[in-house]
Amino acid sequence: MTSEEYLEKGKFIWQNFVPKSGQAETVQGELLRAIEKLRDEAHRNGNANFNKNCHGILVEYLREKLTDKKIFDAGTIEQINTDLDKIKIENQPYLEDDIFDRIDDRIVDWFMFYGDKKLHKKNPDLNC
């Protein structure tokens, strides 16, 4: 897919699956909500409010879902893990868009593979 197609699919997921507040009902909605919440915390707050009960859980949720060997090859999974490792450093906010955009694209890939049928099981420990 082209970068424009990824962007359009990402907008579609955001508009149709990400709620105005709280956890999403679907996995693709929660994945996109998670990465954009992490981007916002880094860019807007410099990770000042980063905490394990929110941002830490979101990083691990992204890692759990996006390191799927049914969808991604070993190199892509390694890149996902490297990117998420950089995002999760609390006292070193990642302020560029490249990693967040790359994770956005992998979320679109996940959505294209699984569609919209997978429901997100809400995490009662997630505090954001």
C-alpha atoms as a PDB file:
ATOM      1  CA  MET A   1       0.000   0.000   0.000  1.00  0.00           C
ATOM      2  CA  THR A   2       1.072   3.580  -0.556  1.00  0.00           C
ATOM      3  CA  SER A   3       1.574   5.990   2.335  1.00  0.00           C
ATOM      4  CA  GLU A   4      -1.645   7.768   1.294  1.00  0.00           C
ATOM      5  CA  GLU A   5      -3.568   4.481   1.401  1.00  0.00           C
ATOM      6  CA  TYR A   6      -2.177   3.723   4.861  1.00  0.00           C
ATOM      7  CA  LEU A   7      -3.221   7.184   5.998  1.00  0.00           C
ATOM      8  CA  GLU A   8      -6.751   6.764   4.635  1.00  0.00           C
ATOM      9  CA  LYS A   9      -7.171   3.335   6.261  1.00  0.00           C
ATOM     10  CA  GLY A  10      -5.853   4.743   9.525  1.00  0.00           C
ATOM     11  CA  LYS A  11      -8.407   7.555   9.368  1.00  0.00           C
ATOM     12  CA  PHE A  12     -11.122   4.987   8.683  1.00  0.00           C
ATOM     13  CA  ILE A  13     -10.127   2.965  11.761  1.00  0.00           C
ATOM     14  CA  TRP A  14      -9.978   6.133  13.884  1.00  0.00           C
ATOM     15  CA  GLN A  15     -13.393   7.365  12.770  1.00  0.00           C
ATOM     16  CA  ASN A  16     -15.139   3.996  13.036  1.00  0.00           C
ATOM     17  CA  PHE A  17     -13.463   2.125  15.886  1.00  0.00           C
ATOM     18  CA  VAL A  18     -11.831   4.575  18.326  1.00  0.00           C
ATOM     19  CA  PRO A  19     -14.262   5.919  20.937  1.00  0.00           C
ATOM     20  CA  LYS A  20     -14.224   9.520  22.150  1.00  0.00           C
ATOM     21  CA  SER A  21     -13.182   8.225  25.584  1.00  0.00           C
ATOM     22  CA  GLY A  22     -12.354   4.931  27.207  1.00  0.00           C
ATOM     23  CA  GLN A  23     -11.186   1.670  25.739  1.00  0.00           C
ATOM     24  CA  ALA A  24     -12.291   0.596  22.273  1.00  0.00           C
ATOM     25  CA  GLU A  25     -14.662  -2.264  21.599  1.00  0.00           C
ATOM     26  CA  THR A  26     -12.425  -3.731  18.879  1.00  0.00           C
ATOM     27  CA  VAL A  27      -8.745  -4.636  18.792  1.00  0.00           C
ATOM     28  CA  GLN A  28      -7.956  -2.340  15.849  1.00  0.00           C
ATOM     29  CA  GLY A  29      -9.622   0.563  17.631  1.00  0.00           C
ATOM     30  CA  GLU A  30      -7.695  -0.102  20.832  1.00  0.00           C
ATOM     31  CA  LEU A  31      -4.408  -0.493  18.950  1.00  0.00           C
ATOM     32  CA  LEU A  32      -4.821   2.856  17.233  1.00  0.00           C
ATOM     33  CA  ARG A  33      -6.046   4.511  20.433  1.00  0.00           C
ATOM     34  CA  ALA A  34      -2.965   3.124  22.223  1.00  0.00           C
ATOM     35  CA  ILE A  35      -0.331   4.378  19.793  1.00  0.00           C
ATOM     36  CA  GLU A  36      -1.935   7.802  19.483  1.00  0.00           C
ATOM     37  CA  LYS A  37      -2.203   8.115  23.266  1.00  0.00           C
ATOM     38  CA  LEU A  38       1.505   7.281  23.488  1.00  0.00           C
ATOM     39  CA  ARG A  39       2.333   9.812  20.741  1.00  0.00           C
ATOM     40  CA  ASP A  40       0.298  12.490  22.508  1.00  0.00           C
ATOM     41  CA  GLU A  41       1.954  11.850  25.866  1.00  0.00           C
ATOM     42  CA  ALA A  42       5.438  12.062  24.353  1.00  0.00           C
ATOM     43  CA  HIS A  43       4.834  15.066  22.108  1.00  0.00           C
ATOM     44  CA  ARG A  44       2.498  17.134  24.270  1.00  0.00           C
ATOM     45  CA  ASN A  45       3.734  16.256  27.757  1.00  0.00           C
ATOM     46  CA  GLY A  46       7.293  15.030  27.255  1.00  0.00           C
ATOM     47  CA  ASN A  47       6.202  11.812  29.019  1.00  0.00           C
ATOM     48  CA  ALA A  48       5.683  13.782  32.248  1.00  0.00           C
ATOM     49  CA  ASN A  49       2.536  11.743  32.961  1.00  0.00           C
ATOM     50  CA  PHE A  50       3.930   8.430  31.671  1.00  0.00           C
ATOM     51  CA  ASN A  51       3.023   5.633  34.044  1.00  0.00           C
ATOM     52  CA  LYS A  52       2.933   1.848  34.036  1.00  0.00           C
ATOM     53  CA  ASN A  53      -0.838   1.642  34.627  1.00  0.00           C
ATOM     54  CA  CYS A  54      -1.530   3.512  31.415  1.00  0.00           C
ATOM     55  CA  HIS A  55       1.331   3.934  28.983  1.00  0.00           C
ATOM     56  CA  GLY A  56       3.211   0.827  30.094  1.00  0.00           C
ATOM     57  CA  ILE A  57       0.113  -1.313  29.586  1.00  0.00           C
ATOM     58  CA  LEU A  58      -0.530   0.291  26.178  1.00  0.00           C
ATOM     59  CA  VAL A  59       3.004  -0.479  24.970  1.00  0.00           C
ATOM     60  CA  GLU A  60       2.681  -4.107  26.014  1.00  0.00           C
ATOM     61  CA  TYR A  61      -0.766  -4.391  24.380  1.00  0.00           C
ATOM     62  CA  LEU A  62       0.708  -3.107  21.119  1.00  0.00           C
ATOM     63  CA  ARG A  63       3.608  -5.555  21.453  1.00  0.00           C
ATOM     64  CA  GLU A  64       1.280  -8.480  22.163  1.00  0.00           C
ATOM     65  CA  LYS A  65      -0.954  -7.832  19.157  1.00  0.00           C
ATOM     66  CA  LEU A  66       1.556  -6.537  16.606  1.00  0.00           C
ATOM     67  CA  THR A  67       4.206  -9.241  16.954  1.00  0.00           C
ATOM     68  CA  ASP A  68       1.864 -11.695  15.247  1.00  0.00           C
ATOM     69  CA  LYS A  69       3.809 -14.205  13.137  1.00  0.00           C
ATOM     70  CA  LYS A  70       0.705 -14.860  11.029  1.00  0.00           C
ATOM     71  CA  ILE A  71       0.971 -11.317   9.660  1.00  0.00           C
ATOM     72  CA  PHE A  72       4.558 -10.143  10.008  1.00  0.00           C
ATOM     73  CA  ASP A  73       7.935 -11.623   9.154  1.00  0.00           C
ATOM     74  CA  ALA A  74      10.796 -11.784  11.639  1.00  0.00           C
ATOM     75  CA  GLY A  75      12.360  -8.530  10.420  1.00  0.00           C
ATOM     76  CA  THR A  76       9.129  -6.607  10.790  1.00  0.00           C
ATOM     77  CA  ILE A  77       8.537  -8.038  14.256  1.00  0.00           C
ATOM     78  CA  GLU A  78      12.071  -7.053  15.259  1.00  0.00           C
ATOM     79  CA  GLN A  79      11.407  -3.489  14.021  1.00  0.00           C
ATOM     80  CA  ILE A  80       8.117  -3.346  15.954  1.00  0.00           C
ATOM     81  CA  ASN A  81       9.854  -4.456  19.151  1.00  0.00           C
ATOM     82  CA  THR A  82      12.703  -1.972  18.650  1.00  0.00           C
ATOM     83  CA  ASP A  83      10.210   0.845  18.032  1.00  0.00           C
ATOM     84  CA  LEU A  84       8.143  -0.026  21.089  1.00  0.00           C
ATOM     85  CA  ASP A  85      11.282  -0.243  23.224  1.00  0.00           C
ATOM     86  CA  LYS A  86      12.115   3.360  22.239  1.00  0.00           C
ATOM     87  CA  ILE A  87       8.593   4.591  22.943  1.00  0.00           C
ATOM     88  CA  LYS A  88       8.457   3.056  26.418  1.00  0.00           C
ATOM     89  CA  ILE A  89      11.462   4.893  27.869  1.00  0.00           C
ATOM     90  CA  GLU A  90       9.729   7.055  30.429  1.00  0.00           C
ATOM     91  CA  ASN A  91      12.428   9.672  30.937  1.00  0.00           C
ATOM     92  CA  GLN A  92      13.322   9.916  27.228  1.00  0.00           C
ATOM     93  CA  PRO A  93      10.182  10.851  25.281  1.00  0.00           C
ATOM     94  CA  TYR A  94      10.404   9.970  21.613  1.00  0.00           C
ATOM     95  CA  LEU A  95       9.549  13.223  19.837  1.00  0.00           C
ATOM     96  CA  GLU A  96       9.758  12.264  16.155  1.00  0.00           C
ATOM     97  CA  ASP A  97       6.801  10.909  14.209  1.00  0.00           C
ATOM     98  CA  ASP A  98       8.559   8.132  12.292  1.00  0.00           C
ATOM     99  CA  ILE A  99       8.115   5.381  14.891  1.00  0.00           C
ATOM    100  CA  PHE A 100       4.524   6.314  15.651  1.00  0.00           C
ATOM    101  CA  ASP A 101       3.699   6.452  11.941  1.00  0.00           C
ATOM    102  CA  ARG A 102       5.374   3.085  11.350  1.00  0.00           C
ATOM    103  CA  ILE A 103       3.335   1.510  14.174  1.00  0.00           C
ATOM    104  CA  ASP A 104       0.196   3.138  12.702  1.00  0.00           C
ATOM    105  CA  ASP A 105       0.971   1.367   9.422  1.00  0.00           C
ATOM    106  CA  ARG A 106       1.414  -1.985  11.172  1.00  0.00           C
ATOM    107  CA  ILE A 107      -1.986  -1.462  12.822  1.00  0.00           C
ATOM    108  CA  VAL A 108      -3.478  -0.974   9.367  1.00  0.00           C
ATOM    109  CA  ASP A 109      -1.741  -4.190   8.249  1.00  0.00           C
ATOM    110  CA  TRP A 110      -3.222  -5.962  11.285  1.00  0.00           C
ATOM    111  CA  PHE A 111      -6.681  -4.635  10.374  1.00  0.00           C
ATOM    112  CA  MET A 112      -6.313  -5.671   6.726  1.00  0.00           C
ATOM    113  CA  PHE A 113      -5.408  -9.199   7.843  1.00  0.00           C
ATOM    114  CA  TYR A 114      -8.022  -9.709  10.582  1.00  0.00           C
ATOM    115  CA  GLY A 115     -10.785  -7.299   9.578  1.00  0.00           C
ATOM    116  CA  ASP A 116     -13.158  -5.845  12.126  1.00  0.00           C
ATOM    117  CA  LYS A 117     -14.386  -9.029  13.804  1.00  0.00           C
ATOM    118  CA  LYS A 118     -11.962  -9.205  16.743  1.00  0.00           C
ATOM    119  CA  LEU A 119     -13.373  -7.696  19.912  1.00  0.00           C
ATOM    120  CA  HIS A 120     -11.098  -6.063  22.458  1.00  0.00           C
ATOM    121  CA  LYS A 121     -11.310  -7.497  25.965  1.00  0.00           C
ATOM    122  CA  LYS A 122     -11.187  -4.400  28.163  1.00  0.00           C
ATOM    123  CA  ASN A 123      -8.362  -4.318  30.677  1.00  0.00           C
ATOM    124  CA  PRO A 124      -9.633  -3.362  34.146  1.00  0.00           C
ATOM    125  CA  ASP A 125      -6.066  -2.422  35.186  1.00  0.00           C
ATOM    126  CA  LEU A 126      -5.705   0.159  32.401  1.00  0.00           C
ATOM    127  CA  ASN A 127      -6.023   3.615  33.884  1.00  0.00           C
ATOM    128  CA  CYS A 128      -6.283   5.898  30.859  1.00  0.00           C
END
